[in-house]
Amino acid sequence: MRPVCEHCNKALPNDSGEAMICAYDCTFCRTCVETILKNKCPNCGGTFEKRPVKKTTS
């Protein structure tokens, strides 16, 4: 999992609900996906889905 948005460098830790990914795991924050990218990945042309949250175990 990429830890930051590929556009604005916003931190996207494993438990972030703001992370969006495409089919190739390109990673962007929800704000960039919705307002700048218009739900189209600039790298591969795919659309985005919410990245699953990976919970860390203690």
Protein backbone atom coordinates (compact mmCIF):
# COMPACT_ATOMS: atom_id res chain seq x y z
CA MET A 1 0.00 0.00 0.00
CA ARG A 2 1.29 3.40 -0.87
CA PRO A 3 1.38 5.69 2.17
CA VAL A 4 0.69 8.99 0.35
CA CYS A 5 -1.48 10.44 -2.42
CA GLU A 6 0.39 10.31 -5.74
CA HIS A 7 -0.93 13.78 -6.61
CA CYS A 8 -0.79 15.94 -3.47
CA ASN A 9 1.35 13.81 -1.12
CA LYS A 10 -1.34 13.71 1.57
CA ALA A 11 -0.56 11.03 4.15
CA LEU A 12 -2.71 7.91 3.66
CA PRO A 13 -1.84 5.47 6.44
CA ASN A 14 -3.07 1.86 6.32
CA ASP A 15 -6.21 2.70 8.31
CA SER A 16 -7.14 5.77 6.24
CA GLY A 17 -10.70 5.98 4.97
CA GLU A 18 -9.60 8.65 2.48
CA ALA A 19 -7.44 6.42 0.27
CA MET A 20 -8.68 5.51 -3.20
CA ILE A 21 -7.08 2.96 -5.55
CA CYS A 22 -7.48 1.83 -9.15
CA ALA A 23 -7.10 -1.72 -10.47
CA TYR A 24 -3.31 -1.30 -10.57
CA ASP A 25 -3.12 0.04 -6.99
CA CYS A 26 -2.38 3.61 -8.05
CA THR A 27 -3.19 5.52 -4.86
CA PHE A 28 -4.78 8.94 -4.47
CA CYS A 29 -6.76 10.73 -1.76
CA ARG A 30 -10.52 11.08 -2.10
CA THR A 31 -10.27 14.86 -2.61
CA CYS A 32 -7.92 14.55 -5.60
CA VAL A 33 -9.97 11.71 -7.11
CA GLU A 34 -13.25 13.63 -6.88
CA THR A 35 -12.17 17.20 -7.64
CA ILE A 36 -9.09 16.99 -9.86
CA LEU A 37 -8.97 13.55 -11.45
CA LYS A 38 -12.74 13.20 -11.92
CA ASN A 39 -12.54 9.47 -10.99
CA LYS A 40 -10.11 8.63 -13.84
CA CYS A 41 -6.60 7.43 -13.02
CA PRO A 42 -3.98 9.56 -14.81
CA ASN A 43 -1.57 6.60 -14.86
CA CYS A 44 -3.71 3.83 -16.35
CA GLY A 45 -7.10 5.37 -17.21
CA GLY A 46 -9.00 3.18 -14.74
CA THR A 47 -11.62 4.24 -12.22
CA PHE A 48 -11.21 4.31 -8.45
CA GLU A 49 -12.61 2.42 -5.49
CA LYS A 50 -12.12 3.00 -1.78
CA ARG A 51 -8.95 1.25 -0.64
CA PRO A 52 -9.64 -1.48 1.91
CA VAL A 53 -8.58 -0.54 5.42
CA LYS A 54 -5.71 -2.62 6.75
CA LYS A 55 -5.88 -2.73 10.52
CA THR A 56 -2.64 -3.18 12.37
CA THR A 57 -2.51 -5.72 15.14
CA SER A 58 -0.79 -5.00 18.39
